[in-house]
N, C-alpha and C. Protein backbone atom coordinates (compact mmCIF):
# COMPACT_ATOMS: atom_id res chain seq x y z
N MET A 1 33.32 35.66 -2.55
CA MET A 1 33.86 34.25 -2.87
C MET A 1 32.68 33.62 -3.34
N LYS A 2 31.29 33.76 -2.67
CA LYS A 2 30.36 32.94 -3.14
C LYS A 2 29.66 33.63 -4.28
N PRO A 3 29.74 34.97 -5.15
CA PRO A 3 29.38 35.10 -6.07
C PRO A 3 30.05 34.65 -7.16
N LEU A 4 31.38 34.08 -6.75
CA LEU A 4 32.26 33.63 -7.82
C LEU A 4 31.71 32.21 -8.10
N ILE A 5 31.69 31.28 -7.14
CA ILE A 5 31.16 30.22 -7.22
C ILE A 5 29.75 30.23 -7.89
N ALA A 6 28.95 30.86 -7.75
CA ALA A 6 27.53 31.10 -8.34
C ALA A 6 27.72 31.18 -9.95
N ILE A 7 28.72 32.26 -10.19
CA ILE A 7 28.86 32.29 -11.75
C ILE A 7 29.44 30.94 -12.16
N MET A 8 30.51 30.46 -11.72
CA MET A 8 30.89 29.32 -11.92
C MET A 8 30.02 28.26 -12.47
N GLN A 9 28.88 28.26 -11.44
CA GLN A 9 28.06 27.20 -11.62
C GLN A 9 27.02 27.35 -12.82
N VAL A 10 26.72 28.62 -12.95
CA VAL A 10 25.82 29.13 -14.38
C VAL A 10 26.82 28.92 -15.43
N ALA A 11 27.70 28.97 -15.39
CA ALA A 11 29.13 28.80 -16.62
C ALA A 11 28.75 27.37 -17.14
N ALA A 12 28.96 26.34 -16.15
CA ALA A 12 28.71 25.04 -15.83
C ALA A 12 27.74 24.42 -16.61
N VAL A 13 26.54 24.94 -16.02
CA VAL A 13 25.29 24.56 -16.68
C VAL A 13 25.18 25.28 -18.18
N THR A 14 25.48 26.28 -18.57
CA THR A 14 25.23 26.70 -19.88
C THR A 14 26.08 26.35 -20.96
N VAL A 15 27.19 25.47 -20.56
CA VAL A 15 28.13 24.87 -21.23
C VAL A 15 27.77 23.56 -21.58
N SER A 16 27.05 22.91 -20.54
CA SER A 16 26.54 21.75 -20.79
C SER A 16 25.33 21.55 -21.22
N LEU A 17 24.74 22.80 -21.47
CA LEU A 17 23.23 22.69 -22.26
C LEU A 17 23.33 22.16 -23.56
N PRO A 18 24.30 22.71 -24.39
CA PRO A 18 24.26 22.19 -25.99
C PRO A 18 24.75 20.84 -26.14
N ALA A 19 25.41 20.37 -24.96
CA ALA A 19 25.72 18.81 -25.27
C ALA A 19 24.47 18.19 -24.63
N VAL A 20 23.54 18.47 -23.80
CA VAL A 20 22.37 17.69 -23.16
C VAL A 20 21.33 17.66 -24.50
N ALA A 21 21.17 18.73 -25.18
CA ALA A 21 20.23 18.87 -26.39
C ALA A 21 21.05 18.19 -27.63
N LEU A 22 22.47 18.19 -27.97
CA LEU A 22 22.69 17.23 -28.94
C LEU A 22 22.44 15.96 -28.42
N GLU A 23 22.75 15.26 -27.09
CA GLU A 23 22.28 14.17 -26.68
C GLU A 23 20.82 13.67 -27.27
N GLU A 24 19.95 14.42 -26.56
CA GLU A 24 18.51 14.20 -27.02
C GLU A 24 18.35 14.11 -28.25
N THR A 25 18.63 15.01 -29.20
CA THR A 25 18.18 15.16 -30.57
C THR A 25 19.03 13.92 -31.16
N SER A 26 20.19 13.34 -30.68
CA SER A 26 20.61 12.30 -31.02
C SER A 26 19.88 11.10 -31.11
N LYS A 27 19.22 10.86 -29.87
CA LYS A 27 18.27 9.89 -29.48
C LYS A 27 17.06 9.79 -30.21
N ARG A 28 16.67 11.12 -30.71
CA ARG A 28 15.13 11.34 -31.38
C ARG A 28 15.46 11.99 -32.87
N PRO A 29 15.70 11.53 -33.72
CA PRO A 29 16.31 12.32 -34.89
C PRO A 29 14.60 13.12 -35.60
N GLU A 30 13.69 12.73 -35.11
CA GLU A 30 12.42 13.61 -35.54
C GLU A 30 12.22 14.93 -34.85
N LEU A 31 13.08 14.85 -33.45
CA LEU A 31 13.25 16.14 -33.18
C LEU A 31 14.09 17.26 -33.53
N ALA A 32 15.21 16.53 -33.88
CA ALA A 32 16.31 17.54 -34.80
C ALA A 32 15.36 18.11 -35.90
N ILE A 33 14.65 17.24 -36.75
CA ILE A 33 13.97 17.84 -38.31
C ILE A 33 12.97 19.02 -37.61
N GLY A 34 12.23 18.56 -36.26
CA GLY A 34 11.23 19.30 -35.83
C GLY A 34 11.80 20.89 -35.55
N THR A 35 13.03 20.79 -34.55
CA THR A 35 13.91 22.02 -34.06
C THR A 35 13.89 22.74 -35.60
N MET A 36 14.77 22.21 -36.57
CA MET A 36 15.29 22.89 -37.85
C MET A 36 13.95 23.48 -38.38
N LEU A 37 12.81 22.85 -38.74
CA LEU A 37 11.91 23.42 -39.42
C LEU A 37 11.44 24.46 -38.67
N GLY A 38 11.35 24.51 -37.45
CA GLY A 38 10.50 25.43 -36.35
C GLY A 38 11.34 26.54 -36.33
N SER A 39 13.04 26.56 -36.55
CA SER A 39 13.80 27.68 -36.62
C SER A 39 13.69 27.95 -38.13
N LEU A 40 13.46 27.66 -39.11
CA LEU A 40 13.46 28.11 -40.34
C LEU A 40 12.07 28.68 -40.42
N ILE A 41 10.99 28.70 -40.10
CA ILE A 41 9.58 29.17 -40.18
C ILE A 41 9.76 30.38 -39.08
N LEU A 42 10.65 30.22 -37.95
CA LEU A 42 10.60 31.69 -37.36
C LEU A 42 11.43 32.77 -38.02
N VAL A 43 12.69 32.28 -38.59
CA VAL A 43 13.74 33.23 -39.32
C VAL A 43 12.84 33.79 -40.52
N LEU A 44 12.30 33.12 -41.13
CA LEU A 44 10.88 33.37 -42.39
C LEU A 44 10.30 34.30 -41.62
N ALA A 45 9.51 34.14 -40.74
CA ALA A 45 8.51 35.03 -40.23
C ALA A 45 9.20 36.32 -39.92
N CYS A 46 10.38 36.13 -39.11
CA CYS A 46 10.87 37.51 -38.72
C CYS A 46 11.43 38.27 -40.19
N ILE A 47 11.69 37.65 -40.95
CA ILE A 47 11.99 38.47 -42.48
C ILE A 47 10.87 39.07 -43.05
N PHE A 48 9.69 38.45 -43.31
CA PHE A 48 8.51 38.92 -43.55
C PHE A 48 8.13 39.95 -42.65
N LEU A 49 8.21 39.86 -41.39
CA LEU A 49 7.70 41.14 -40.34
C LEU A 49 8.26 42.02 -40.56
N PHE A 50 9.89 42.10 -41.09
CA PHE A 50 10.42 43.38 -41.26
C PHE A 50 10.34 43.91 -42.27
N ALA A 51 10.36 43.09 -43.39
CA ALA A 51 9.72 43.82 -44.61
C ALA A 51 8.21 44.48 -44.68
N PHE A 52 7.38 43.83 -44.00
CA PHE A 52 6.15 44.65 -43.68
C PHE A 52 6.58 45.82 -42.68
N LEU A 53 7.19 45.82 -41.97
CA LEU A 53 7.58 46.92 -41.25
C LEU A 53 7.55 48.11 -42.02
N MET A 54 9.05 47.87 -42.59
CA MET A 54 9.74 48.72 -43.49
C MET A 54 9.13 49.44 -44.68
N LYS A 55 7.93 48.54 -45.01
CA LYS A 55 7.15 48.87 -46.12
C LYS A 55 6.30 49.95 -45.47
N LYS A 56 5.78 49.88 -44.37
CA LYS A 56 4.59 50.49 -43.81
C LYS A 56 5.40 51.87 -43.27
N SER A 57 6.41 52.00 -42.61
CA SER A 57 7.37 53.27 -42.49
C SER A 57 7.94 54.01 -43.63
N ASN A 58 7.99 53.47 -44.98
CA ASN A 58 8.02 54.37 -45.73
C ASN A 58 9.78 54.06 -46.24
N LEU A 59 10.38 53.23 -45.71
CA LEU A 59 11.58 53.07 -45.87
C LEU A 59 12.22 52.72 -47.07
N ILE A 60 11.16 51.98 -47.84
CA ILE A 60 11.38 51.71 -48.94
C ILE A 60 10.67 52.22 -50.13
N ARG A 61 11.30 53.08 -50.66
CA ARG A 61 10.85 54.16 -51.78
C ARG A 61 10.11 53.56 -52.99
N HIS A 62 8.87 53.87 -53.29
CA HIS A 62 8.36 53.13 -54.55
C HIS A 62 8.38 54.32 -55.73
N GLY A 63 9.52 53.96 -56.66
CA GLY A 63 9.67 54.89 -57.68
C GLY A 63 9.38 54.17 -58.98
N GLY A 64 9.77 54.78 -59.98
CA GLY A 64 9.40 54.22 -61.24
C GLY A 64 8.10 54.45 -61.94
N GLN A 65 7.20 53.75 -62.16
CA GLN A 65 5.91 53.97 -63.08
C GLN A 65 5.19 54.76 -62.06
N HIS A 66 4.78 54.47 -60.95
CA HIS A 66 3.84 55.16 -60.34
C HIS A 66 4.16 56.52 -59.91
N SER A 67 5.18 56.99 -59.87
CA SER A 67 5.95 58.40 -59.64
C SER A 67 5.93 59.60 -60.89
N PRO A 68 5.38 60.33 -60.51
CA PRO A 68 5.09 61.20 -61.57
C PRO A 68 6.34 61.65 -61.86
N ILE A 69 7.47 61.87 -61.14
CA ILE A 69 8.82 62.20 -61.20
C ILE A 69 9.83 61.24 -61.68
N LYS A 70 10.65 61.60 -62.48
CA LYS A 70 11.60 60.47 -62.88
C LYS A 70 12.94 61.12 -63.15
N VAL A 71 14.07 60.80 -62.54
CA VAL A 71 15.13 61.21 -62.61
C VAL A 71 15.96 61.05 -63.66
N ILE A 72 16.34 61.36 -64.80
CA ILE A 72 16.69 61.28 -66.11
C ILE A 72 18.31 61.06 -65.82
N SER A 73 18.83 62.24 -65.04
CA SER A 73 20.07 61.90 -65.30
C SER A 73 20.61 62.68 -63.81
N THR A 74 21.98 62.38 -63.15
CA THR A 74 22.45 62.83 -62.37
C THR A 74 23.79 63.42 -62.55
N GLN A 75 24.61 64.70 -62.50
CA GLN A 75 25.85 64.71 -62.36
C GLN A 75 26.24 65.40 -61.57
N ALA A 76 27.41 64.80 -60.36
CA ALA A 76 28.00 65.27 -59.03
C ALA A 76 28.90 66.69 -59.44
N LEU A 77 28.80 67.67 -59.07
CA LEU A 77 29.88 68.85 -59.30
C LEU A 77 30.70 68.67 -58.14
N THR A 78 30.40 68.90 -56.91
CA THR A 78 30.99 68.78 -55.48
C THR A 78 30.52 67.72 -54.66
N ASN A 79 31.12 67.46 -53.52
CA ASN A 79 30.50 66.46 -52.56
C ASN A 79 29.20 66.73 -52.36
N LYS A 80 28.69 67.83 -52.20
CA LYS A 80 27.53 68.20 -51.73
C LYS A 80 26.53 68.87 -52.65
N SER A 81 26.85 69.06 -54.16
CA SER A 81 25.91 69.42 -55.05
C SER A 81 26.21 68.84 -56.09
N ARG A 82 24.88 69.00 -56.71
CA ARG A 82 24.73 68.18 -58.09
C ARG A 82 23.93 68.83 -59.23
N VAL A 83 23.73 68.29 -60.30
CA VAL A 83 22.82 68.78 -61.48
C VAL A 83 22.25 67.54 -61.75
N GLN A 84 20.76 67.85 -61.99
CA GLN A 84 19.98 66.69 -62.14
C GLN A 84 19.23 67.15 -63.13
N ILE A 85 18.84 66.19 -64.03
CA ILE A 85 17.70 66.59 -65.05
C ILE A 85 16.44 65.42 -64.84
N ILE A 86 15.38 66.14 -64.46
CA ILE A 86 14.24 65.19 -64.09
C ILE A 86 13.06 65.54 -65.23
N GLU A 87 12.32 64.48 -65.22
CA GLU A 87 11.13 64.59 -65.99
C GLU A 87 9.77 64.51 -65.52
N VAL A 88 8.99 65.43 -65.74
CA VAL A 88 7.51 65.51 -64.73
C VAL A 88 6.47 65.83 -65.77
N ARG A 89 5.78 65.03 -66.15
CA ARG A 89 4.85 64.94 -66.78
C ARG A 89 5.11 65.27 -68.44
N GLY A 90 5.94 64.51 -68.96
CA GLY A 90 6.47 64.53 -70.01
C GLY A 90 7.30 66.11 -70.26
N LYS A 91 7.58 67.07 -69.33
CA LYS A 91 8.66 68.09 -69.46
C LYS A 91 9.97 67.75 -68.67
N GLN A 92 10.94 68.18 -69.38
CA GLN A 92 12.27 68.04 -68.61
C GLN A 92 12.90 69.31 -68.17
N TYR A 93 13.32 69.10 -66.92
CA TYR A 93 13.58 70.56 -65.92
C TYR A 93 15.66 70.13 -65.46
N LEU A 94 16.12 71.07 -65.75
CA LEU A 94 17.41 70.92 -65.04
C LEU A 94 17.25 71.51 -63.85
N LEU A 95 17.81 70.93 -62.87
CA LEU A 95 17.96 71.48 -61.33
C LEU A 95 19.45 71.77 -60.97
N GLY A 96 19.66 72.60 -59.97
CA GLY A 96 20.53 72.49 -59.50
C GLY A 96 20.44 72.22 -57.75
N VAL A 97 20.91 71.25 -57.38
CA VAL A 97 20.40 70.57 -56.12
C VAL A 97 21.89 70.56 -54.97
N SER A 98 21.53 71.21 -53.88
CA SER A 98 22.76 71.43 -53.21
C SER A 98 22.26 70.80 -51.73
N GLU A 99 23.17 70.75 -50.51
CA GLU A 99 22.58 70.58 -49.29
C GLU A 99 21.47 71.22 -48.63
N HIS A 100 21.24 72.43 -49.20
CA HIS A 100 20.50 73.14 -48.59
C HIS A 100 19.48 73.85 -49.51
N SER A 101 19.44 73.63 -50.96
CA SER A 101 18.34 73.95 -51.60
C SER A 101 18.54 73.33 -52.94
N VAL A 102 17.24 73.30 -53.84
CA VAL A 102 17.00 73.17 -54.85
C VAL A 102 16.50 74.24 -56.18
N ASN A 103 17.19 74.49 -57.18
CA ASN A 103 17.01 75.34 -57.85
C ASN A 103 16.90 74.83 -59.41
N LEU A 104 15.54 75.69 -59.86
CA LEU A 104 15.43 75.40 -61.27
C LEU A 104 16.32 76.10 -62.26
N LEU A 105 17.08 75.42 -63.01
CA LEU A 105 18.22 76.23 -63.40
C LEU A 105 17.52 76.49 -65.14
N ASP A 106 16.97 75.57 -65.63
CA ASP A 106 16.23 75.95 -67.36
C ASP A 106 15.15 74.89 -67.39
N GLN A 107 14.34 74.86 -67.95
CA GLN A 107 13.65 74.04 -68.55
C GLN A 107 14.00 73.67 -70.06
N LEU A 108 14.09 72.16 -70.40
CA LEU A 108 14.81 71.81 -71.21
C LEU A 108 13.68 71.39 -72.51
N GLU A 109 14.16 71.74 -73.61
CA GLU A 109 13.02 71.11 -74.80
C GLU A 109 13.29 69.89 -74.70
N PRO A 110 12.11 69.18 -74.99
CA PRO A 110 12.16 67.56 -75.29
C PRO A 110 12.94 67.11 -76.27
N VAL A 111 13.67 66.32 -76.01
CA VAL A 111 15.05 65.53 -77.26
C VAL A 111 14.22 64.95 -78.18
N GLU A 112 14.81 65.08 -79.29
CA GLU A 112 14.03 64.29 -80.18
C GLU A 112 14.92 63.09 -80.88
N GLU A 113 14.65 62.10 -80.95
CA GLU A 113 15.87 61.20 -80.97
C GLU A 113 16.31 61.05 -82.45
N GLU A 114 17.39 61.55 -82.87
CA GLU A 114 17.89 61.39 -84.12
C GLU A 114 18.28 60.24 -84.78
N THR A 115 17.62 60.24 -85.90
CA THR A 115 17.84 59.09 -86.94
C THR A 115 19.11 59.47 -87.83
N THR A 116 20.20 58.41 -87.55
CA THR A 116 21.13 58.59 -88.63
C THR A 116 21.05 57.26 -89.62
N ASP A 117 21.59 57.50 -90.69
CA ASP A 117 22.18 56.60 -91.63
C ASP A 117 23.05 55.61 -91.23
N ILE A 118 22.97 55.08 -90.30
CA ILE A 118 24.06 54.00 -90.30
C ILE A 118 23.91 52.79 -90.78
N PRO A 119 24.62 51.96 -91.67
CA PRO A 119 24.47 51.24 -92.16
C PRO A 119 24.17 49.81 -91.22
N GLU A 120 23.60 48.99 -91.49
CA GLU A 120 23.54 47.49 -90.55
C GLU A 120 24.72 47.02 -90.44
N ASN A 121 24.98 46.59 -88.96
CA ASN A 121 26.25 46.16 -88.77
C ASN A 121 26.03 44.52 -89.12
N PRO A 122 27.64 44.34 -89.90
CA PRO A 122 27.64 42.96 -90.53
C PRO A 122 27.81 41.81 -89.30
N SER A 123 27.20 40.84 -89.42
CA SER A 123 27.29 39.92 -88.93
C SER A 123 28.76 39.54 -88.26
N PHE A 124 29.11 38.90 -87.18
CA PHE A 124 30.11 38.73 -86.52
C PHE A 124 31.18 37.84 -87.45
N LYS A 125 30.44 36.93 -88.04
CA LYS A 125 31.08 36.09 -88.74
C LYS A 125 31.68 36.82 -90.18
N ALA A 126 30.90 37.71 -90.67
CA ALA A 126 31.53 38.25 -91.91
C ALA A 126 32.56 39.50 -91.54
N ALA A 127 32.46 40.15 -90.13
CA ALA A 127 33.36 41.11 -89.79
C ALA A 127 34.67 40.19 -89.29
N PHE A 128 34.71 39.18 -88.68
CA PHE A 128 35.83 38.30 -88.39
C PHE A 128 36.83 37.81 -89.59
N ALA A 129 35.94 37.50 -90.41
CA ALA A 129 36.05 37.00 -91.88
C ALA A 129 37.28 38.32 -92.66
N THR A 130 36.67 39.44 -92.39
CA THR A 130 37.08 40.46 -93.04
C THR A 130 38.51 40.79 -92.22
N VAL A 131 38.69 40.97 -91.17
CA VAL A 131 39.56 41.05 -90.12
C VAL A 131 40.70 39.84 -90.31
N LEU A 132 40.11 38.59 -90.68
CA LEU A 132 41.35 37.50 -90.63
C LEU A 132 41.95 37.90 -92.37
N SER A 133 41.23 37.95 -93.01
CA SER A 133 41.79 38.19 -94.55
C SER A 133 42.53 39.42 -94.70
N LYS A 134 42.44 40.70 -94.02
CA LYS A 134 43.21 41.93 -94.03
C LYS A 134 44.88 41.28 -93.22
N VAL A 135 44.50 40.63 -92.35
CA VAL A 135 45.86 40.20 -91.34
C VAL A 135 46.70 38.90 -92.18
N GLY A 136 45.62 38.35 -93.06
CA GLY A 136 46.57 37.26 -93.97
C GLY A 136 47.00 38.18 -94.92
N LYS A 137 46.65 39.18 -95.48
CA LYS A 137 47.55 39.75 -96.64
C LYS A 137 48.74 40.34 -96.12
N LYS A 138 48.46 40.73 -94.97
CA LYS A 138 49.88 41.87 -94.38
C LYS A 138 50.90 40.63 -94.11
N ASN A 139 50.51 39.42 -93.46
CA ASN A 139 51.57 38.58 -93.42
C ASN A 139 52.13 37.83 -94.62
N ASN A 140 51.59 38.05 -95.68
CA ASN A 140 51.83 37.06 -96.70
C ASN A 140 52.94 38.35 -97.69
N GLU A 141 52.61 39.61 -97.26
CA GLU A 141 53.51 40.72 -98.15
C GLU A 141 54.96 40.73 -97.51
């Protein structure tokens, strides 16, 4: 019976603490602002600490410009296998990647961008006017 009474007393004190804190901050508004700013600084410090720890533990991968290997394209074949085109020092490779292995399938020739003689796209205004004139001719006939 005594442990039950002790638990109820602790619960009563715990429930009354926010009310006491609210009453104290309502009497002194500068205390509420200070508490809010202190909490904000604590949360920001935690965010920066976790970001620093993730960076040091290499959980954030640094790809892009500093990496000599660039993944050009990926195509999934099954749930656990895929085909990838990667570029290493200007050369492209076709890789077969599965759960347990990576196989070189082919070394690809560098792709030269094809230039086609595509006429300049007309402005939106001119294209819209052309479509409207065609629709207008059909309705008049």
